[in-house]
Amino acid sequence: MTYRHLSINELIIIEAYYQIGKKVIDIAKALNRSRQTIYRVIAILKKGCSAYEYYEQYKKNKRYCGRGKTQLSKKD
């Protein structure tokens, strides 16, 4: 199974559906995502964060992923 991260569009849709009171299971079916994924996003939204802020934090954290740069030693 291939996994993919939530896009900014999906986050905005989740936020909009959450604000109008749509059920989590309906949001999950509409986006073809698991309910747990939707619950995680809603938990962040309940703390007062917007979908855009959530996505910006994701991008900031993503910068620190991966292998760090290495410094090669000089051979004399």
N, C-alpha and C. Protein backbone atom coordinates (compact mmCIF):
# COMPACT_ATOMS: atom_id res chain seq x y z
N MET A 1 0.84 -1.18 0.00
CA MET A 1 0.00 0.00 0.00
C MET A 1 0.88 1.24 0.00
N THR A 2 0.52 2.20 -0.80
CA THR A 2 1.29 3.43 -0.89
C THR A 2 0.68 4.46 0.06
N TYR A 3 1.54 5.09 0.83
CA TYR A 3 1.09 6.12 1.75
C TYR A 3 1.47 7.48 1.19
N ARG A 4 0.64 8.47 1.46
CA ARG A 4 0.95 9.83 1.03
C ARG A 4 0.49 10.80 2.11
N HIS A 5 1.19 11.90 2.20
CA HIS A 5 0.88 12.90 3.21
C HIS A 5 -0.35 13.69 2.81
N LEU A 6 -0.98 14.30 3.80
CA LEU A 6 -2.13 15.15 3.52
C LEU A 6 -1.68 16.40 2.79
N SER A 7 -2.40 16.77 1.78
CA SER A 7 -2.09 18.00 1.06
C SER A 7 -2.77 19.18 1.76
N ILE A 8 -2.37 20.38 1.40
CA ILE A 8 -2.99 21.57 1.99
C ILE A 8 -4.47 21.62 1.63
N ASN A 9 -4.83 21.17 0.43
CA ASN A 9 -6.24 21.14 0.02
C ASN A 9 -7.06 20.20 0.90
N GLU A 10 -6.51 19.03 1.20
CA GLU A 10 -7.22 18.08 2.06
C GLU A 10 -7.36 18.64 3.47
N LEU A 11 -6.33 19.30 3.96
CA LEU A 11 -6.41 19.89 5.30
C LEU A 11 -7.49 20.97 5.36
N ILE A 12 -7.59 21.78 4.32
CA ILE A 12 -8.61 22.83 4.29
C ILE A 12 -10.01 22.22 4.22
N ILE A 13 -10.16 21.14 3.46
CA ILE A 13 -11.45 20.45 3.38
C ILE A 13 -11.83 19.88 4.74
N ILE A 14 -10.87 19.26 5.42
CA ILE A 14 -11.13 18.71 6.76
C ILE A 14 -11.55 19.83 7.70
N GLU A 15 -10.85 20.95 7.65
CA GLU A 15 -11.18 22.09 8.52
C GLU A 15 -12.59 22.61 8.23
N ALA A 16 -12.94 22.73 6.96
CA ALA A 16 -14.26 23.23 6.58
C ALA A 16 -15.36 22.27 7.04
N TYR A 17 -15.18 20.98 6.79
CA TYR A 17 -16.17 20.00 7.22
C TYR A 17 -16.29 19.97 8.74
N TYR A 18 -15.18 20.09 9.44
CA TYR A 18 -15.20 20.10 10.90
C TYR A 18 -15.99 21.31 11.42
N GLN A 19 -15.79 22.46 10.80
CA GLN A 19 -16.46 23.68 11.26
C GLN A 19 -17.97 23.63 11.03
N ILE A 20 -18.42 22.91 10.00
CA ILE A 20 -19.87 22.82 9.78
C ILE A 20 -20.48 21.63 10.53
N GLY A 21 -19.65 20.88 11.24
CA GLY A 21 -20.16 19.80 12.09
C GLY A 21 -20.35 18.46 11.40
N LYS A 22 -19.67 18.24 10.32
CA LYS A 22 -19.78 16.96 9.61
C LYS A 22 -19.10 15.86 10.44
N LYS A 23 -19.65 14.66 10.40
CA LYS A 23 -19.09 13.54 11.16
C LYS A 23 -17.75 13.11 10.58
N VAL A 24 -16.89 12.61 11.47
CA VAL A 24 -15.55 12.19 11.08
C VAL A 24 -15.60 11.08 10.04
N ILE A 25 -16.49 10.15 10.21
CA ILE A 25 -16.57 9.04 9.26
C ILE A 25 -16.96 9.53 7.86
N ASP A 26 -17.81 10.55 7.79
CA ASP A 26 -18.19 11.11 6.49
C ASP A 26 -17.02 11.85 5.84
N ILE A 27 -16.25 12.56 6.65
CA ILE A 27 -15.06 13.26 6.14
C ILE A 27 -14.06 12.23 5.61
N ALA A 28 -13.85 11.17 6.38
CA ALA A 28 -12.89 10.13 5.99
C ALA A 28 -13.30 9.47 4.67
N LYS A 29 -14.57 9.18 4.52
CA LYS A 29 -15.04 8.57 3.27
C LYS A 29 -14.91 9.53 2.10
N ALA A 30 -15.20 10.80 2.33
CA ALA A 30 -15.12 11.79 1.24
C ALA A 30 -13.69 11.95 0.73
N LEU A 31 -12.72 11.85 1.64
CA LEU A 31 -11.32 12.04 1.27
C LEU A 31 -10.57 10.72 1.04
N ASN A 32 -11.27 9.61 1.29
CA ASN A 32 -10.65 8.28 1.17
C ASN A 32 -9.42 8.17 2.08
N ARG A 33 -9.60 8.58 3.32
CA ARG A 33 -8.56 8.53 4.36
C ARG A 33 -9.11 7.78 5.56
N SER A 34 -8.22 7.36 6.46
CA SER A 34 -8.68 6.66 7.65
C SER A 34 -9.27 7.65 8.65
N ARG A 35 -10.14 7.15 9.50
CA ARG A 35 -10.74 8.01 10.53
C ARG A 35 -9.68 8.53 11.48
N GLN A 36 -8.68 7.72 11.79
CA GLN A 36 -7.63 8.14 12.72
C GLN A 36 -6.87 9.34 12.18
N THR A 37 -6.64 9.38 10.89
CA THR A 37 -5.96 10.52 10.27
C THR A 37 -6.79 11.79 10.47
N ILE A 38 -8.09 11.68 10.26
CA ILE A 38 -8.99 12.83 10.42
C ILE A 38 -9.02 13.25 11.88
N TYR A 39 -9.09 12.29 12.80
CA TYR A 39 -9.10 12.61 14.24
C TYR A 39 -7.84 13.36 14.65
N ARG A 40 -6.68 12.96 14.11
CA ARG A 40 -5.43 13.64 14.44
C ARG A 40 -5.46 15.10 14.01
N VAL A 41 -5.96 15.35 12.81
CA VAL A 41 -6.04 16.73 12.30
C VAL A 41 -7.03 17.53 13.14
N ILE A 42 -8.16 16.94 13.47
CA ILE A 42 -9.18 17.64 14.26
C ILE A 42 -8.65 17.96 15.66
N ALA A 43 -7.84 17.08 16.23
CA ALA A 43 -7.25 17.36 17.55
C ALA A 43 -6.39 18.61 17.49
N ILE A 44 -5.65 18.80 16.41
CA ILE A 44 -4.83 20.00 16.24
C ILE A 44 -5.73 21.22 16.04
N LEU A 45 -6.80 21.06 15.26
CA LEU A 45 -7.72 22.17 15.02
C LEU A 45 -8.40 22.61 16.31
N LYS A 46 -8.70 21.66 17.18
CA LYS A 46 -9.34 22.00 18.46
C LYS A 46 -8.43 22.82 19.36
N LYS A 47 -7.13 22.70 19.16
CA LYS A 47 -6.17 23.47 19.96
C LYS A 47 -6.05 24.90 19.46
N GLY A 48 -6.78 25.25 18.38
CA GLY A 48 -6.77 26.61 17.88
C GLY A 48 -5.88 26.84 16.68
N CYS A 49 -5.32 25.79 16.16
CA CYS A 49 -4.44 25.90 14.99
C CYS A 49 -5.29 25.80 13.72
N SER A 50 -4.92 26.52 12.68
CA SER A 50 -5.65 26.43 11.41
C SER A 50 -5.00 25.38 10.51
N ALA A 51 -5.68 25.04 9.44
CA ALA A 51 -5.14 24.07 8.49
C ALA A 51 -3.84 24.58 7.88
N TYR A 52 -3.81 25.87 7.59
CA TYR A 52 -2.61 26.46 6.99
C TYR A 52 -1.44 26.40 7.98
N GLU A 53 -1.67 26.71 9.26
CA GLU A 53 -0.61 26.65 10.28
C GLU A 53 -0.12 25.21 10.46
N TYR A 54 -1.04 24.27 10.42
CA TYR A 54 -0.70 22.85 10.52
C TYR A 54 0.24 22.45 9.38
N TYR A 55 -0.09 22.89 8.16
CA TYR A 55 0.71 22.54 7.00
C TYR A 55 2.08 23.21 7.04
N GLU A 56 2.14 24.46 7.50
CA GLU A 56 3.42 25.16 7.62
C GLU A 56 4.33 24.46 8.63
N GLN A 57 3.76 23.99 9.74
CA GLN A 57 4.54 23.26 10.74
C GLN A 57 5.05 21.95 10.15
N TYR A 58 4.21 21.28 9.36
CA TYR A 58 4.63 20.04 8.70
C TYR A 58 5.83 20.30 7.79
N LYS A 59 5.76 21.37 6.99
CA LYS A 59 6.86 21.69 6.09
C LYS A 59 8.13 22.04 6.87
N LYS A 60 7.97 22.74 7.98
CA LYS A 60 9.12 23.11 8.81
C LYS A 60 9.78 21.85 9.38
N ASN A 61 8.99 20.93 9.88
CA ASN A 61 9.51 19.68 10.43
C ASN A 61 10.15 18.82 9.35
N LYS A 62 9.61 18.86 8.15
CA LYS A 62 10.11 18.05 7.04
C LYS A 62 11.53 18.46 6.64
N ARG A 63 11.88 19.73 6.88
CA ARG A 63 13.22 20.19 6.54
C ARG A 63 14.30 19.45 7.32
N TYR A 64 13.97 18.97 8.49
CA TYR A 64 14.95 18.31 9.35
C TYR A 64 15.01 16.81 9.13
N CYS A 65 14.25 16.28 8.21
CA CYS A 65 14.27 14.85 7.92
C CYS A 65 15.44 14.50 7.02
N GLY A 66 15.85 13.27 7.09
CA GLY A 66 16.90 12.80 6.19
C GLY A 66 18.27 12.84 6.81
N ARG A 67 19.22 12.43 6.04
CA ARG A 67 20.59 12.35 6.51
C ARG A 67 21.23 13.73 6.54
N GLY A 68 22.02 13.96 7.55
CA GLY A 68 22.73 15.23 7.66
C GLY A 68 23.94 15.27 6.74
N LYS A 69 24.45 16.45 6.52
CA LYS A 69 25.61 16.60 5.66
C LYS A 69 26.85 16.10 6.38
N THR A 70 27.78 15.53 5.61
CA THR A 70 29.03 15.04 6.19
C THR A 70 30.18 15.88 5.68
N GLN A 71 31.16 16.02 6.51
CA GLN A 71 32.36 16.77 6.16
C GLN A 71 33.47 15.78 5.88
N LEU A 72 34.00 15.80 4.68
CA LEU A 72 35.08 14.90 4.33
C LEU A 72 36.40 15.46 4.85
N SER A 73 37.24 14.57 5.35
CA SER A 73 38.54 15.02 5.85
C SER A 73 39.52 15.15 4.69
N LYS A 74 40.47 16.06 4.84
CA LYS A 74 41.49 16.26 3.81
C LYS A 74 42.60 15.22 4.00
N LYS A 75 42.98 14.57 2.92
CA LYS A 75 44.07 13.60 2.99
C LYS A 75 45.33 14.27 2.46
N ASP A 76 46.37 14.27 3.26
CA ASP A 76 47.64 14.90 2.87
C ASP A 76 48.64 13.90 2.38
